[in-house]
Protein backbone atom coordinates (compact mmCIF):
# COMPACT_ATOMS: atom_id res chain seq x y z
CA MET A 1 111.94 24.58 -10.61
CA PRO A 2 110.15 23.05 -7.57
CA GLU A 3 111.13 19.58 -6.49
CA PHE A 4 108.96 16.69 -7.60
CA SER A 5 106.72 15.53 -4.78
CA LEU A 6 103.65 13.37 -4.26
CA ASP A 7 103.01 14.91 -0.86
CA LEU A 8 99.64 16.61 -0.51
CA ASN A 9 99.76 20.21 0.60
CA GLU A 10 98.04 21.41 3.76
CA GLU A 11 94.84 22.50 1.99
CA GLN A 12 94.53 19.17 0.23
CA ARG A 13 95.07 17.24 3.47
CA ASP A 14 92.49 19.40 5.24
CA LEU A 15 89.98 18.79 2.42
CA ARG A 16 90.61 15.06 2.47
CA ASP A 17 90.19 14.85 6.23
CA TRP A 18 87.07 17.03 6.20
CA VAL A 19 85.31 14.91 3.57
CA HIS A 20 86.48 11.73 5.27
CA GLY A 21 84.93 12.91 8.52
CA PHE A 22 81.57 13.47 6.82
CA ALA A 23 81.84 10.11 5.05
CA SER A 24 82.71 8.33 8.29
CA GLU A 25 80.19 10.00 10.58
CA VAL A 26 77.22 10.59 8.26
CA VAL A 27 77.48 8.60 5.04
CA ARG A 28 78.82 5.17 6.03
CA PRO A 29 76.44 4.62 8.97
CA ALA A 30 73.50 5.32 6.63
CA GLY A 31 74.73 3.23 3.68
CA ALA A 32 72.87 0.00 4.40
CA GLU A 33 69.60 1.80 5.17
CA TRP A 34 69.45 3.80 1.95
CA ASP A 35 70.65 0.85 -0.10
CA GLU A 36 67.72 -1.14 1.29
CA ARG A 37 65.24 1.72 0.80
CA GLU A 38 66.44 2.40 -2.77
CA GLU A 39 65.47 6.04 -2.41
CA THR A 40 67.29 9.31 -2.97
CA PRO A 41 68.80 10.32 0.42
CA TRP A 42 67.57 13.91 0.37
CA PRO A 43 68.31 14.50 4.10
CA ILE A 44 71.96 13.57 3.56
CA ILE A 45 72.21 15.69 0.40
CA GLN A 46 70.86 18.59 2.43
CA GLU A 47 73.34 17.90 5.22
CA ALA A 48 76.15 17.96 2.65
CA ALA A 49 74.81 21.27 1.32
CA LYS A 50 74.66 22.77 4.80
CA ILE A 51 78.33 22.08 5.52
CA GLY A 52 79.38 23.29 2.06
CA LEU A 53 80.23 19.91 0.54
CA TYR A 54 77.42 20.05 -2.01
CA GLY A 55 77.16 23.21 -4.07
CA PHE A 56 78.65 25.55 -6.62
CA GLU A 57 81.11 27.12 -4.17
CA PHE A 58 82.61 23.75 -3.27
CA LEU A 59 83.05 22.91 -6.95
CA VAL A 60 84.74 26.24 -7.66
CA ASN A 61 87.13 25.82 -4.75
CA ALA A 62 87.97 22.26 -5.74
CA TRP A 63 88.57 23.29 -9.34
CA GLY A 64 90.82 26.09 -8.11
CA ASP A 65 93.40 23.47 -7.13
CA SER A 66 95.93 23.72 -9.96
CA THR A 67 97.09 20.14 -9.37
CA GLY A 68 93.63 18.78 -10.20
CA LEU A 69 93.71 16.54 -7.14
CA SER A 70 91.13 18.13 -4.85
CA MET A 71 88.11 16.74 -6.70
CA CYS A 72 89.73 13.30 -6.78
CA LEU A 73 90.42 13.43 -3.05
CA ALA A 74 86.83 14.43 -2.28
CA ASN A 75 85.41 11.70 -4.51
CA GLU A 76 87.59 8.96 -3.07
CA GLU A 77 86.70 9.83 0.52
CA LEU A 78 82.97 10.22 -0.05
CA PHE A 79 82.70 6.98 -2.03
CA TRP A 80 84.76 5.25 0.65
CA GLY A 81 81.79 6.04 2.88
CA ASP A 82 79.10 4.64 0.59
CA ALA A 83 78.94 4.72 -3.18
CA GLY A 84 75.14 4.92 -3.51
CA ILE A 85 74.80 7.92 -1.21
CA ALA A 86 77.94 9.51 -2.63
CA MET A 87 76.55 9.24 -6.17
CA ALA A 88 73.34 10.88 -4.98
CA ILE A 89 75.48 13.76 -3.69
CA PHE A 90 78.04 14.02 -6.50
CA GLY A 91 75.95 12.76 -9.45
CA THR A 92 75.10 16.36 -10.29
CA HIS A 93 78.74 16.98 -11.16
CA LEU A 94 78.45 15.20 -14.52
CA ALA A 95 75.85 17.68 -15.75
CA VAL A 96 77.99 20.51 -14.38
CA ALA A 97 81.02 19.10 -16.22
CA SER A 98 79.02 19.21 -19.45
CA ILE A 99 78.06 22.84 -18.91
CA TYR A 100 81.64 23.69 -18.01
CA GLY A 101 83.11 21.76 -20.94
CA SER A 102 80.81 23.15 -23.64
CA GLY A 103 79.08 26.21 -22.25
CA THR A 104 79.85 29.90 -22.41
CA PRO A 105 80.79 31.86 -19.26
CA ASP A 106 77.29 33.34 -19.16
CA GLN A 107 75.73 29.88 -19.37
CA MET A 108 77.91 28.64 -16.54
CA VAL A 109 76.89 31.53 -14.32
CA GLU A 110 73.21 31.04 -15.13
CA TRP A 111 72.84 27.27 -14.97
CA VAL A 112 75.46 25.77 -12.66
CA PRO A 113 73.98 27.30 -9.46
CA GLN A 114 70.55 26.01 -10.51
CA CYS A 115 71.99 22.51 -10.69
CA PHE A 116 72.58 22.60 -6.92
CA GLY A 117 69.90 24.82 -5.42
CA ASP A 118 70.79 25.87 -1.86
CA ALA A 119 71.07 24.38 1.61
CA ASP A 120 67.41 25.08 2.40
CA ASP A 121 66.17 23.57 -0.86
CA PRO A 122 68.88 21.45 -2.53
CA LYS A 123 68.42 20.43 -6.16
CA VAL A 124 70.14 17.90 -8.41
CA ALA A 125 71.01 17.87 -12.10
CA ALA A 126 71.07 15.14 -14.76
CA PHE A 127 73.32 14.52 -17.75
CA CYS A 128 71.37 12.62 -20.40
CA THR A 129 73.35 11.08 -23.24
CA THR A 130 73.10 7.26 -23.19
CA GLU A 131 70.32 5.79 -25.35
CA PRO A 132 68.74 2.32 -25.60
CA GLN A 133 70.31 1.71 -29.02
CA ALA A 134 73.39 3.88 -28.53
CA GLY A 135 75.19 3.16 -25.29
CA SER A 136 78.93 3.36 -25.83
CA ASP A 137 78.31 4.08 -29.52
CA VAL A 138 77.50 7.76 -29.14
CA SER A 139 77.76 8.26 -32.91
CA SER A 140 74.49 6.31 -33.29
CA MET A 141 72.51 8.76 -31.15
CA ARG A 142 68.89 9.05 -32.27
CA THR A 143 67.76 12.01 -30.19
CA ARG A 144 67.32 14.94 -32.55
CA ALA A 145 67.37 18.69 -32.09
CA ARG A 146 66.07 21.00 -34.81
CA TYR A 147 66.26 24.76 -34.81
CA ASP A 148 63.04 26.80 -35.10
CA GLU A 149 64.51 30.02 -36.44
CA ALA A 150 61.25 31.95 -36.28
CA LYS A 151 61.02 31.47 -32.52
CA ASP A 152 64.75 31.11 -31.80
CA GLU A 153 64.04 27.78 -30.12
CA TRP A 154 65.45 24.28 -30.30
CA VAL A 155 63.00 21.39 -30.48
CA ILE A 156 64.36 18.16 -28.97
CA SER A 157 62.85 14.69 -29.36
CA GLY A 158 64.18 11.30 -28.32
CA GLN A 159 64.80 8.90 -25.46
CA LYS A 160 67.68 8.73 -23.00
CA ALA A 161 68.52 5.71 -20.87
CA PHE A 162 70.09 5.23 -17.44
CA ALA A 163 70.23 8.93 -16.61
CA THR A 164 71.48 9.66 -13.09
CA ASN A 165 68.86 11.95 -11.51
CA GLY A 166 66.73 11.69 -14.63
CA GLY A 167 63.26 13.08 -13.99
CA ILE A 168 63.98 14.38 -10.48
CA ALA A 169 66.58 16.88 -11.67
CA ASN A 170 66.06 20.62 -11.60
CA VAL A 171 68.28 20.96 -14.67
CA HIS A 172 68.69 18.32 -17.38
CA VAL A 173 71.61 18.55 -19.79
CA VAL A 174 70.80 16.62 -22.97
CA THR A 175 73.00 15.71 -25.91
CA ALA A 176 71.28 15.49 -29.28
CA SER A 177 72.14 15.23 -32.93
CA VAL A 178 71.62 18.37 -34.99
CA ASP A 179 73.15 16.87 -38.15
CA PRO A 180 72.86 13.05 -38.16
CA GLU A 181 74.99 12.71 -41.31
CA LEU A 182 78.02 13.93 -39.34
CA GLY A 183 77.67 11.24 -36.67
CA SER A 184 79.21 12.24 -33.34
CA ARG A 185 80.58 15.45 -34.89
CA GLY A 186 77.02 16.60 -35.54
CA GLN A 187 75.96 16.56 -31.89
CA ALA A 188 75.46 19.34 -29.38
CA GLY A 189 74.53 19.78 -25.73
CA PHE A 190 71.40 21.55 -24.50
CA VAL A 191 70.18 22.72 -21.11
CA VAL A 192 66.56 21.85 -20.43
CA PRO A 193 65.35 24.36 -17.81
CA PRO A 194 63.22 23.39 -14.81
CA GLY A 195 59.57 22.69 -15.60
CA THR A 196 60.00 22.53 -19.37
CA PRO A 197 56.96 20.77 -20.93
CA GLY A 198 57.53 17.54 -22.85
CA LEU A 199 60.22 16.00 -20.64
CA GLN A 200 59.13 12.93 -18.71
CA ALA A 201 60.91 10.06 -16.99
CA THR A 202 60.24 6.51 -15.91
CA LYS A 203 60.09 5.46 -12.31
CA LYS A 204 63.43 4.95 -10.58
CA LEU A 205 65.11 1.90 -12.07
CA LYS A 206 65.88 -1.03 -9.79
CA LYS A 207 69.63 -1.62 -9.92
CA LEU A 208 72.27 -4.11 -8.80
CA GLY A 209 74.21 -1.41 -6.97
CA LEU A 210 74.30 2.34 -6.26
CA ARG A 211 70.72 1.87 -5.13
CA ALA A 212 70.48 5.17 -3.24
CA SER A 213 71.26 7.02 -6.48
CA HIS A 214 68.27 7.77 -8.69
CA THR A 215 68.51 6.37 -12.23
CA ALA A 216 65.74 6.61 -14.83
CA ASP A 217 65.03 6.72 -18.54
CA VAL A 218 64.10 10.15 -19.87
CA PHE A 219 61.72 10.86 -22.75
CA LEU A 220 61.72 14.12 -24.71
CA ASP A 221 58.60 14.80 -26.79
CA ASP A 222 59.09 17.97 -28.85
CA VAL A 223 60.76 19.67 -25.91
CA ARG A 224 61.24 23.34 -26.75
CA VAL A 225 64.11 25.27 -25.18
CA PRO A 226 65.28 28.83 -25.89
CA GLY A 227 68.14 29.29 -28.33
CA SER A 228 70.28 30.44 -25.42
CA CYS A 229 70.10 26.89 -23.99
CA LEU A 230 72.39 25.53 -26.71
CA LEU A 231 75.69 25.03 -24.89
CA GLY A 232 78.39 27.13 -26.51
CA GLY A 233 75.93 29.10 -28.63
CA LYS A 234 74.73 28.75 -32.22
CA GLU A 235 77.61 30.63 -33.80
CA ALA A 236 80.15 28.22 -32.35
CA LEU A 237 77.99 25.24 -33.35
CA ASP A 238 77.61 26.47 -36.94
CA GLU A 239 81.36 26.96 -37.20
CA ARG A 240 82.04 23.49 -35.82
CA LEU A 241 79.54 21.85 -38.17
CA ALA A 242 81.01 23.71 -41.14
CA ARG A 243 84.48 22.40 -40.32
CA ALA A 244 83.12 18.89 -40.03
CA ARG A 245 81.28 19.09 -43.37
CA GLU A 246 84.44 20.29 -45.08
CA GLY A 247 86.40 17.40 -43.63
CA ARG A 248 88.46 19.61 -41.37
CA LYS A 249 89.23 18.59 -37.82
CA ALA A 250 86.42 19.48 -35.47
CA SER A 251 86.87 20.45 -31.84
CA GLY A 252 85.12 17.32 -30.58
CA GLN A 253 81.57 16.61 -29.53
CA ALA A 254 79.52 17.25 -26.44
CA ALA A 255 79.30 13.84 -24.78
CA MET A 256 82.95 12.92 -25.23
CA ARG A 257 84.18 16.27 -23.89
CA THR A 258 82.15 15.66 -20.76
CA PHE A 259 83.52 12.15 -20.32
CA GLU A 260 87.11 13.30 -20.81
CA LEU A 261 86.67 15.91 -18.08
CA SER A 262 85.04 13.47 -15.69
CA ARG A 263 87.05 10.25 -16.11
CA PRO A 264 89.68 10.90 -13.42
CA ALA A 265 86.95 11.87 -10.94
CA VAL A 266 85.00 8.72 -11.80
CA GLY A 267 88.20 6.74 -11.33
CA ALA A 268 88.55 8.32 -7.90
CA GLN A 269 85.04 7.16 -7.03
CA ALA A 270 86.06 3.61 -7.86
CA LEU A 271 89.16 4.07 -5.70
CA GLY A 272 86.92 4.85 -2.75
CA ILE A 273 85.11 1.52 -3.11
CA ALA A 274 88.36 -0.37 -3.71
CA ARG A 275 89.94 1.16 -0.61
CA ALA A 276 86.91 0.50 1.56
CA ALA A 277 86.95 -3.16 0.54
CA TYR A 278 90.68 -3.50 1.12
CA GLU A 279 90.63 -1.85 4.55
CA TYR A 280 87.66 -3.88 5.75
CA ALA A 281 89.17 -7.17 4.55
CA LEU A 282 92.50 -6.29 6.16
CA GLU A 283 90.95 -5.64 9.57
CA TYR A 284 88.80 -8.75 9.30
CA ALA A 285 91.81 -10.89 8.42
CA LYS A 286 93.76 -9.53 11.41
CA ASP A 287 90.89 -10.34 13.79
CA ARG A 288 89.44 -13.59 12.40
CA GLU A 289 90.93 -16.80 13.76
CA GLN A 290 90.85 -20.21 12.07
CA PHE A 291 92.79 -23.33 13.08
CA GLY A 292 94.31 -21.54 16.04
CA ARG A 293 95.72 -18.49 14.26
CA ARG A 294 94.59 -15.28 12.60
CA ILE A 295 93.82 -15.84 8.92
CA ILE A 296 96.19 -13.08 7.81
CA GLU A 297 99.03 -15.33 8.98
CA ASN A 298 98.24 -17.59 6.03
CA GLN A 299 100.19 -16.61 2.93
CA ALA A 300 97.17 -17.05 0.68
CA ILE A 301 95.32 -14.33 2.59
CA ALA A 302 98.35 -12.12 3.21
CA PHE A 303 99.40 -12.19 -0.45
CA THR A 304 95.87 -11.41 -1.59
CA LEU A 305 95.80 -8.35 0.65
CA ALA A 306 99.24 -7.32 -0.60
CA ASP A 307 97.93 -7.47 -4.17
CA MET A 308 94.83 -5.48 -3.22
CA LYS A 309 96.96 -2.72 -1.71
CA MET A 310 99.40 -2.67 -4.63
CA GLU A 311 96.65 -2.46 -7.24
CA LEU A 312 94.87 0.25 -5.25
CA ASP A 313 97.97 2.42 -5.09
CA ALA A 314 98.79 1.83 -8.77
CA ALA A 315 95.28 2.88 -9.77
CA ARG A 316 95.47 6.00 -7.61
CA LEU A 317 98.67 7.09 -9.33
CA LEU A 318 97.00 6.76 -12.74
CA VAL A 319 93.99 8.74 -11.50
CA TRP A 320 96.15 11.49 -10.04
CA ARG A 321 98.23 11.74 -13.22
CA ALA A 322 95.14 12.05 -15.40
CA ALA A 323 93.60 14.61 -13.04
CA TRP A 324 96.75 16.72 -13.15
CA MET A 325 96.96 16.47 -16.94
CA GLY A 326 93.31 17.40 -17.40
CA ARG A 327 93.50 20.35 -15.03
CA ASN A 328 96.65 21.68 -16.76
CA ASN A 329 95.36 21.18 -20.31
CA ARG A 330 97.85 18.44 -21.13
CA VAL A 331 96.78 16.31 -24.08
CA PHE A 332 95.92 12.69 -23.28
CA GLU A 333 98.30 11.42 -25.95
CA ALA A 334 98.12 7.80 -24.77
CA GLY A 335 94.56 7.82 -23.48
CA GLU A 336 95.66 8.63 -19.94
CA GLY A 337 92.14 9.64 -18.91
CA SER A 338 90.79 6.31 -20.08
CA MET A 339 93.66 4.49 -18.39
CA SER A 340 92.72 6.01 -15.05
CA LYS A 341 89.05 5.10 -15.26
CA LEU A 342 89.75 1.63 -16.67
CA LYS A 343 92.30 0.65 -14.03
CA ALA A 344 90.41 2.10 -11.08
CA GLY A 345 87.13 0.50 -12.14
CA GLU A 346 88.65 -2.94 -12.57
CA VAL A 347 90.55 -2.65 -9.27
CA ALA A 348 87.31 -1.74 -7.50
CA VAL A 349 85.63 -4.89 -8.83
CA ALA A 350 88.65 -7.08 -8.05
CA ASN A 351 89.17 -5.71 -4.53
CA ALA A 352 85.50 -6.03 -3.65
CA GLU A 353 85.42 -9.60 -4.93
CA LYS A 354 88.54 -10.49 -2.98
CA ALA A 355 87.11 -8.90 0.16
CA VAL A 356 84.02 -11.11 -0.14
CA GLN A 357 86.28 -14.14 -0.59
CA ILE A 358 88.42 -13.29 2.44
CA LEU A 359 85.32 -12.94 4.60
CA GLY A 360 83.94 -16.18 3.21
CA GLY A 361 80.32 -16.83 4.14
CA ALA A 362 80.28 -13.66 6.23
CA GLY A 363 81.06 -11.66 3.11
CA PHE A 364 78.00 -13.04 1.35
CA VAL A 365 75.48 -11.74 3.87
CA ARG A 366 74.35 -8.20 4.57
CA ASP A 367 75.72 -8.18 8.10
CA HIS A 368 78.95 -6.97 6.49
CA PRO A 369 79.17 -4.14 3.90
CA VAL A 370 81.46 -5.95 1.47
CA GLU A 371 78.54 -7.53 -0.41
CA ARG A 372 77.15 -4.03 -1.02
CA TRP A 373 80.53 -2.74 -2.18
CA TYR A 374 80.77 -5.76 -4.49
CA ARG A 375 77.45 -4.78 -6.07
CA ASP A 376 78.35 -1.09 -6.20
CA ALA A 377 81.75 -1.68 -7.82
CA LYS A 378 80.53 -3.42 -10.97
CA ILE A 379 79.06 -0.33 -12.59
CA TYR A 380 82.55 1.18 -12.81
CA THR A 381 83.44 -1.23 -15.62
CA ILE A 382 80.25 -0.24 -17.46
CA PHE A 383 79.09 3.38 -17.19
CA GLU A 384 80.81 6.41 -18.70
CA GLY A 385 82.51 4.08 -21.16
CA THR A 386 82.83 0.35 -20.59
CA SER A 387 86.21 -1.22 -19.95
CA GLU A 388 86.20 -2.35 -23.58
CA ILE A 389 85.61 1.21 -24.80
CA GLN A 390 88.42 2.51 -22.58
CA ARG A 391 90.77 -0.06 -24.11
CA LEU A 392 89.61 1.04 -27.55
CA VAL A 393 90.40 4.68 -26.73
CA ILE A 394 93.84 3.75 -25.41
CA SER A 395 94.69 1.47 -28.33
CA ARG A 396 93.70 4.12 -30.86
CA ALA A 397 95.77 6.72 -29.01
CA ILE A 398 98.94 4.64 -28.84
CA SER A 399 98.67 3.26 -32.40
CA GLY A 400 97.34 6.27 -34.25
CA MET A 401 95.00 3.89 -36.06
CA TYR A 402 91.22 3.67 -36.12
CA ILE A 403 90.85 0.32 -34.39
CA ARG A 404 87.34 -1.16 -34.33
């Protein structure tokens, strides 16, 4: 039995330092520019692809880490650089997580590489599940998929909201209801191949934060995809629907499986913002002088920074635990995945707000990056399950009751 240790191994340290170098030298210096432009930073995505940070091979290598920590380390470092650019680079991973979580091996081999493209012509992918009338309430999904048996095709119609990379993606992964009477148990995931007629998107939405990341609403008007684009295949879907109709326990549904796989990584993204805010505020407080002394010498400032560091480290431990559990197929008996995303998201918001406060008026202007991190952090209490939904998941897990 190996000794318990929180030390990273050599490969993990090398990965962390490599991604940090890219974040420090390429991403952070460009953060303000792309935030102001509110455009997808294709040159930086391509640069990430050229060095091997963006692509199928990187994902495979990161997933090969049996501790589950490599993807968290990469996310934290990249989002430490700049969250908007980092989301433009890593936003594809949510669609990939859906294919991995629900797809067959053949589907993974066919579609995951197409999500990334290559270094000469990088592509992105989109995961489309949120709807205007069904945000956190995925059981109220209105997008429908019906099977055309004569042509072995699925016909998908509906609207998706706030889709990262929606409309500019090479591959769209869409969740839809195939049996509305079963609620969330009657849903499935579908790959919409490049150039499929009937899929359209709005212009890029103007957002509070993550402005370099493309977000749009996606409309599906009788979009026809081959039967092979149903993630997991029709036989598995029919079996799952039959269990659900008979009242037997189903194996879950497409959107929630994706979120469970991705929550620790999303938590790690929030850690990157929280750490950036803490480190910047710490250095500012050590340099800034007021009333003849550095402001960190005031207990009010020093104690605030102590709390920021403590909360950051506590959140990281929750993220690492959930990542390890997920990678090693441990059941989240107490909602550990939700705990990690909830804590990290709220720490990101709190640390960014405290950083603005420590900088005072300087923190409110764009000469310093903390105002951008403040804007970027807020989404982490909203997307991929609001803080309220995470608390609902945790409370149901610990009580065994269906709490509303």
